[in-house]
C-alpha atoms as a PDB file:
ATOM      1  CA  UNK A   1     105.355  80.787  76.211  1.00  0.00           C
ATOM      2  CA  UNK A   2     104.219  84.275  75.144  1.00  0.00           C
ATOM      3  CA  UNK A   3     105.837  87.766  75.691  1.00  0.00           C
ATOM      4  CA  UNK A   4     102.495  89.024  78.241  1.00  0.00           C
ATOM      5  CA  UNK A   5     102.201  86.004  80.252  1.00  0.00           C
ATOM      6  CA  UNK A   6     105.909  85.985  80.980  1.00  0.00           C
ATOM      7  CA  UNK A   7     105.434  89.460  82.355  1.00  0.00           C
ATOM      8  CA  UNK A   8     102.515  88.548  84.103  1.00  0.00           C
ATOM      9  CA  UNK A   9     104.205  86.060  85.966  1.00  0.00           C
ATOM     10  CA  UNK A  10     107.287  88.330  86.507  1.00  0.00           C
ATOM     11  CA  UNK A  11     105.182  91.088  87.597  1.00  0.00           C
ATOM     12  CA  UNK A  12     102.772  88.876  90.326  1.00  0.00           C
ATOM     13  CA  UNK A  13     106.562  87.521  91.874  1.00  0.00           C
ATOM     14  CA  UNK A  14     107.587  91.305  92.010  1.00  0.00           C
ATOM     15  CA  UNK A  15     104.431  91.910  93.861  1.00  0.00           C
ATOM     16  CA  UNK A  16     104.950  89.256  96.128  1.00  0.00           C
ATOM     17  CA  UNK A  17     108.432  89.999  96.390  1.00  0.00           C
ATOM     18  CA  UNK A  18     107.711  93.819  97.861  1.00  0.00           C
ATOM     19  CA  UNK A  19     104.997  91.902  99.979  1.00  0.00           C
ATOM     20  CA  UNK A  20     107.015  89.299 101.909  1.00  0.00           C
ATOM     21  CA  UNK A  21     109.977  92.077 102.242  1.00  0.00           C
ATOM     22  CA  UNK A  22     107.032  94.538 103.676  1.00  0.00           C
ATOM     23  CA  UNK A  23     107.367  96.849 101.349  1.00  0.00           C
ATOM     24  CA  UNK A  24     102.981  97.507 101.118  1.00  0.00           C
ATOM     25  CA  UNK A  25     103.030  99.076 104.196  1.00  0.00           C
ATOM     26  CA  UNK A  26     102.481 102.620 104.131  1.00  0.00           C
ATOM     27  CA  UNK A  27     105.114 103.714 107.315  1.00  0.00           C
ATOM     28  CA  UNK A  28     107.794 101.545 104.930  1.00  0.00           C
ATOM     29  CA  UNK A  29     107.441 103.824 102.084  1.00  0.00           C
ATOM     30  CA  UNK A  30     107.355 107.527 104.568  1.00  0.00           C
ATOM     31  CA  UNK A  31     110.272 106.249 106.309  1.00  0.00           C
ATOM     32  CA  UNK A  32     112.481 106.486 103.271  1.00  0.00           C
ATOM     33  CA  UNK A  33     112.251 109.938 102.738  1.00  0.00           C
ATOM     34  CA  UNK A  34     112.265 110.646 106.730  1.00  0.00           C
ATOM     35  CA  UNK A  35     115.735 108.713 106.242  1.00  0.00           C
ATOM     36  CA  UNK A  36     114.920 106.630 108.773  1.00  0.00           C
ATOM     37  CA  UNK A  37     114.412 102.845 107.178  1.00  0.00           C
ATOM     38  CA  UNK A  38     115.844 102.908 103.905  1.00  0.00           C
ATOM     39  CA  UNK A  39     114.816  99.011 103.018  1.00  0.00           C
ATOM     40  CA  UNK A  40     113.064 100.525 100.161  1.00  0.00           C
ATOM     41  CA  UNK A  41     116.015 101.688  98.604  1.00  0.00           C
ATOM     42  CA  UNK A  42     118.134  98.796  99.016  1.00  0.00           C
ATOM     43  CA  UNK A  43     115.635  96.689  97.705  1.00  0.00           C
ATOM     44  CA  UNK A  44     114.887  98.544  94.487  1.00  0.00           C
ATOM     45  CA  UNK A  45     118.374  99.103  93.883  1.00  0.00           C
ATOM     46  CA  UNK A  46     119.284  94.845  94.565  1.00  0.00           C
ATOM     47  CA  UNK A  47     116.210  94.362  92.324  1.00  0.00           C
ATOM     48  CA  UNK A  48     117.913  97.224  89.046  1.00  0.00           C
ATOM     49  CA  UNK A  49     121.664  95.292  89.173  1.00  0.00           C
ATOM     50  CA  UNK A  50     119.411  91.743  89.180  1.00  0.00           C
ATOM     51  CA  UNK A  51     117.066  93.312  86.190  1.00  0.00           C
ATOM     52  CA  UNK A  52     119.951  94.187  84.158  1.00  0.00           C
ATOM     53  CA  UNK A  53     122.552  91.456  84.592  1.00  0.00           C
ATOM     54  CA  UNK A  54     119.398  89.093  83.357  1.00  0.00           C
ATOM     55  CA  UNK A  55     119.040  91.648  80.479  1.00  0.00           C
ATOM     56  CA  UNK A  56     122.186  92.053  79.595  1.00  0.00           C
ATOM     57  CA  UNK A  57     123.102  87.721  79.998  1.00  0.00           C
ATOM     58  CA  UNK A  58     119.881  87.424  78.018  1.00  0.00           C
ATOM     59  CA  UNK A  59     121.281  90.166  75.126  1.00  0.00           C
ATOM     60  CA  UNK A  60     125.071  88.208  75.124  1.00  0.00           C
ATOM     61  CA  UNK A  61     123.653  85.463  74.720  1.00  0.00           C
ATOM     62  CA  UNK A  62     121.080  86.062  71.800  1.00  0.00           C
ATOM     63  CA  UNK A  63     118.161  85.498  73.524  1.00  0.00           C
ATOM     64  CA  UNK A  64     116.633  88.955  73.536  1.00  0.00           C
ATOM     65  CA  UNK A  65     117.363  92.514  71.947  1.00  0.00           C
ATOM     66  CA  UNK A  66     116.933  95.421  73.306  1.00  0.00           C
ATOM     67  CA  UNK A  67     114.424  97.841  70.990  1.00  0.00           C
ATOM     68  CA  UNK A  68     115.813 101.460  70.033  1.00  0.00           C
ATOM     69  CA  UNK A  69     115.908 103.691  73.350  1.00  0.00           C
ATOM     70  CA  UNK A  70     113.986 106.823  73.074  1.00  0.00           C
ATOM     71  CA  UNK A  71     115.533 110.143  73.430  1.00  0.00           C
ATOM     72  CA  UNK A  72     116.344 111.092  77.092  1.00  0.00           C
ATOM     73  CA  UNK A  73     115.141 114.388  78.118  1.00  0.00           C
ATOM     74  CA  UNK A  74     116.856 115.710  81.501  1.00  0.00           C
ATOM     75  CA  UNK A  75     114.417 118.488  82.151  1.00  0.00           C
ATOM     76  CA  UNK A  76     111.179 116.285  81.476  1.00  0.00           C
ATOM     77  CA  UNK A  77     113.009 113.963  83.730  1.00  0.00           C
ATOM     78  CA  UNK A  78     113.854 116.053  86.829  1.00  0.00           C
ATOM     79  CA  UNK A  79     110.398 117.560  86.690  1.00  0.00           C
ATOM     80  CA  UNK A  80     108.748 114.161  86.674  1.00  0.00           C
ATOM     81  CA  UNK A  81     110.956 112.867  89.067  1.00  0.00           C
ATOM     82  CA  UNK A  82     110.205 115.388  91.426  1.00  0.00           C
ATOM     83  CA  UNK A  83     106.486 115.382  90.742  1.00  0.00           C
ATOM     84  CA  UNK A  84     106.497 111.800  91.302  1.00  0.00           C
ATOM     85  CA  UNK A  85     108.679 111.912  94.590  1.00  0.00           C
ATOM     86  CA  UNK A  86     106.529 114.940  95.848  1.00  0.00           C
ATOM     87  CA  UNK A  87     103.319 112.729  95.264  1.00  0.00           C
ATOM     88  CA  UNK A  88     104.979 109.766  96.804  1.00  0.00           C
ATOM     89  CA  UNK A  89     106.312 111.632  99.651  1.00  0.00           C
ATOM     90  CA  UNK A  90     103.267 112.568 100.254  1.00  0.00           C
ATOM     91  CA  UNK A  91     100.888 110.104  99.782  1.00  0.00           C
ATOM     92  CA  UNK A  92     103.386 106.956 101.316  1.00  0.00           C
ATOM     93  CA  UNK A  93     102.358 105.103  97.662  1.00  0.00           C
ATOM     94  CA  UNK A  94     104.369 104.562  95.344  1.00  0.00           C
ATOM     95  CA  UNK A  95     102.996 102.438  91.577  1.00  0.00           C
ATOM     96  CA  UNK A  96     104.590  99.275  92.793  1.00  0.00           C
ATOM     97  CA  UNK A  97     103.188  99.478  96.382  1.00  0.00           C
ATOM     98  CA  UNK A  98      99.644 100.172  94.974  1.00  0.00           C
ATOM     99  CA  UNK A  99      99.476  97.239  92.512  1.00  0.00           C
ATOM    100  CA  UNK A 100     100.803  94.955  95.000  1.00  0.00           C
ATOM    101  CA  UNK A 101      98.887  96.375  98.281  1.00  0.00           C
ATOM    102  CA  UNK A 102      95.476  96.498  95.827  1.00  0.00           C
ATOM    103  CA  UNK A 103      96.210  93.002  94.858  1.00  0.00           C
ATOM    104  CA  UNK A 104      96.234  92.242  98.954  1.00  0.00           C
ATOM    105  CA  UNK A 105      92.808  93.304  98.675  1.00  0.00           C
ATOM    106  CA  UNK A 106      93.783  96.716 100.561  1.00  0.00           C
ATOM    107  CA  UNK A 107      90.975  99.402  99.444  1.00  0.00           C
ATOM    108  CA  UNK A 108      93.233 102.096 100.685  1.00  0.00           C
ATOM    109  CA  UNK A 109      96.045 101.098  98.419  1.00  0.00           C
ATOM    110  CA  UNK A 110      93.372 100.576  95.775  1.00  0.00           C
ATOM    111  CA  UNK A 111      91.534 103.623  96.081  1.00  0.00           C
ATOM    112  CA  UNK A 112      94.308 106.223  95.871  1.00  0.00           C
ATOM    113  CA  UNK A 113      96.785 104.316  93.912  1.00  0.00           C
ATOM    114  CA  UNK A 114      94.175 104.269  91.013  1.00  0.00           C
ATOM    115  CA  UNK A 115      93.140 108.153  91.581  1.00  0.00           C
ATOM    116  CA  UNK A 116      96.494 109.125  91.272  1.00  0.00           C
ATOM    117  CA  UNK A 117      97.130 106.843  87.847  1.00  0.00           C
ATOM    118  CA  UNK A 118      94.018 108.509  86.825  1.00  0.00           C
ATOM    119  CA  UNK A 119      94.186 111.809  87.651  1.00  0.00           C
ATOM    120  CA  UNK A 120      98.287 111.786  86.518  1.00  0.00           C
ATOM    121  CA  UNK A 121      97.217 110.692  83.432  1.00  0.00           C
ATOM    122  CA  UNK A 122      94.522 113.229  82.694  1.00  0.00           C
ATOM    123  CA  UNK A 123      96.853 115.897  83.430  1.00  0.00           C
ATOM    124  CA  UNK A 124     100.020 114.394  81.138  1.00  0.00           C
ATOM    125  CA  UNK A 125      97.021 114.426  78.868  1.00  0.00           C
ATOM    126  CA  UNK A 126      96.218 117.798  78.844  1.00  0.00           C
ATOM    127  CA  UNK A 127      99.358 119.164  78.702  1.00  0.00           C
ATOM    128  CA  UNK A 128     100.844 117.572  77.083  1.00  0.00           C
ATOM    129  CA  UNK A 129     100.839 119.469  73.370  1.00  0.00           C
ATOM    130  CA  UNK A 130     101.899 122.597  75.600  1.00  0.00           C
ATOM    131  CA  UNK A 131     105.062 121.484  78.240  1.00  0.00           C
ATOM    132  CA  UNK A 132     106.396 118.677  76.111  1.00  0.00           C
ATOM    133  CA  UNK A 133     107.495 121.123  73.169  1.00  0.00           C
ATOM    134  CA  UNK A 134     109.354 123.450  75.475  1.00  0.00           C
ATOM    135  CA  UNK A 135     110.903 120.556  77.841  1.00  0.00           C
ATOM    136  CA  UNK A 136     112.332 118.912  74.814  1.00  0.00           C
ATOM    137  CA  UNK A 137     113.809 122.081  73.282  1.00  0.00           C
ATOM    138  CA  UNK A 138     115.826 122.416  77.062  1.00  0.00           C
ATOM    139  CA  UNK A 139     117.984 119.398  77.280  1.00  0.00           C
ATOM    140  CA  UNK A 140     118.256 116.073  75.104  1.00  0.00           C
ATOM    141  CA  UNK A 141     120.935 113.644  75.293  1.00  0.00           C
ATOM    142  CA  UNK A 142     119.854 111.595  72.367  1.00  0.00           C
ATOM    143  CA  UNK A 143     119.198 107.897  72.870  1.00  0.00           C
ATOM    144  CA  UNK A 144     122.153 107.262  75.248  1.00  0.00           C
ATOM    145  CA  UNK A 145     122.475 103.851  77.936  1.00  0.00           C
ATOM    146  CA  UNK A 146     124.940 104.067  80.375  1.00  0.00           C
ATOM    147  CA  UNK A 147     127.354 101.103  78.897  1.00  0.00           C
ATOM    148  CA  UNK A 148     128.188 103.594  75.460  1.00  0.00           C
ATOM    149  CA  UNK A 149     127.546 107.014  77.277  1.00  0.00           C
ATOM    150  CA  UNK A 150     131.189 105.936  79.338  1.00  0.00           C
ATOM    151  CA  UNK A 151     132.423 103.667  76.183  1.00  0.00           C
ATOM    152  CA  UNK A 152     132.376 100.369  78.761  1.00  0.00           C
ATOM    153  CA  UNK A 153     130.876  97.016  78.911  1.00  0.00           C
ATOM    154  CA  UNK A 154     127.473  96.754  79.977  1.00  0.00           C
ATOM    155  CA  UNK A 155     128.940  94.109  82.664  1.00  0.00           C
ATOM    156  CA  UNK A 156     131.560  96.348  83.676  1.00  0.00           C
ATOM    157  CA  UNK A 157     129.124  98.847  84.052  1.00  0.00           C
ATOM    158  CA  UNK A 158     127.112  95.892  86.093  1.00  0.00           C
ATOM    159  CA  UNK A 159     129.767  95.305  87.876  1.00  0.00           C
ATOM    160  CA  UNK A 160     130.343  98.884  88.931  1.00  0.00           C
ATOM    161  CA  UNK A 161     126.841  99.659  90.276  1.00  0.00           C
ATOM    162  CA  UNK A 162     126.515  96.207  91.883  1.00  0.00           C
ATOM    163  CA  UNK A 163     129.825  97.155  93.609  1.00  0.00           C
ATOM    164  CA  UNK A 164     128.741 101.098  94.695  1.00  0.00           C
ATOM    165  CA  UNK A 165     125.604  99.707  95.748  1.00  0.00           C
ATOM    166  CA  UNK A 166     127.376  97.026  98.342  1.00  0.00           C
ATOM    167  CA  UNK A 167     128.806  99.942  99.285  1.00  0.00           C
ATOM    168  CA  UNK A 168     126.066 102.116  99.677  1.00  0.00           C
ATOM    169  CA  UNK A 169     124.328  99.257 101.731  1.00  0.00           C
ATOM    170  CA  UNK A 170     127.467  99.002 104.142  1.00  0.00           C
ATOM    171  CA  UNK A 171     126.975 102.487 104.798  1.00  0.00           C
ATOM    172  CA  UNK A 172     123.355 102.780 104.917  1.00  0.00           C
ATOM    173  CA  UNK A 173     123.718  99.669 108.057  1.00  0.00           C
ATOM    174  CA  UNK A 174     126.786 101.410 109.566  1.00  0.00           C
ATOM    175  CA  UNK A 175     124.626 104.370 110.076  1.00  0.00           C
ATOM    176  CA  UNK A 176     121.720 102.236 111.038  1.00  0.00           C
ATOM    177  CA  UNK A 177     119.431 103.519 108.595  1.00  0.00           C
ATOM    178  CA  UNK A 178     117.793 100.262 108.025  1.00  0.00           C
ATOM    179  CA  UNK A 179     114.624  98.012 109.440  1.00  0.00           C
ATOM    180  CA  UNK A 180     113.786 100.070 112.169  1.00  0.00           C
ATOM    181  CA  UNK A 181     110.282 100.213 113.175  1.00  0.00           C
ATOM    182  CA  UNK A 182     109.024 103.741 114.356  1.00  0.00           C
ATOM    183  CA  UNK A 183     105.935 104.093 116.523  1.00  0.00           C
END
């Protein structure tokens, strides 16, 4: 089976999971930023744990090799993250939920989602030559992944991340920040 078919299958499965978890609904996304419902955070952290575990296990078994990791531009990541977060908080949409909502046939996801993708791509394309050199000169941490940065086994890093995630999930549940429906 080709890599593209596997990627397509995994993307459809992830979109299905987003839908079944109710994360294609506008209020679920907005309520994360209002700190009223952190289901999206819990879902995404669980997805990170599963994907990290699977990828490192496949690598340990010799079934996959990781590509060269591009340099991390800290300033670019912070600026891009702020732009992405502000857009997501204001619109109530993110790329994953836009694709999942569009897959459901919802025009209110399809139109803003593609407009957001298009506007973002145009702005990036028009400003890349001027902005990227300036940002990349500010802070470049090189090609580093967390297990290498901390000089830990990848599996120990995953275990620590999973334990911290479980602690966070427990604290979220104790604070009552889960699945509250707001009218």
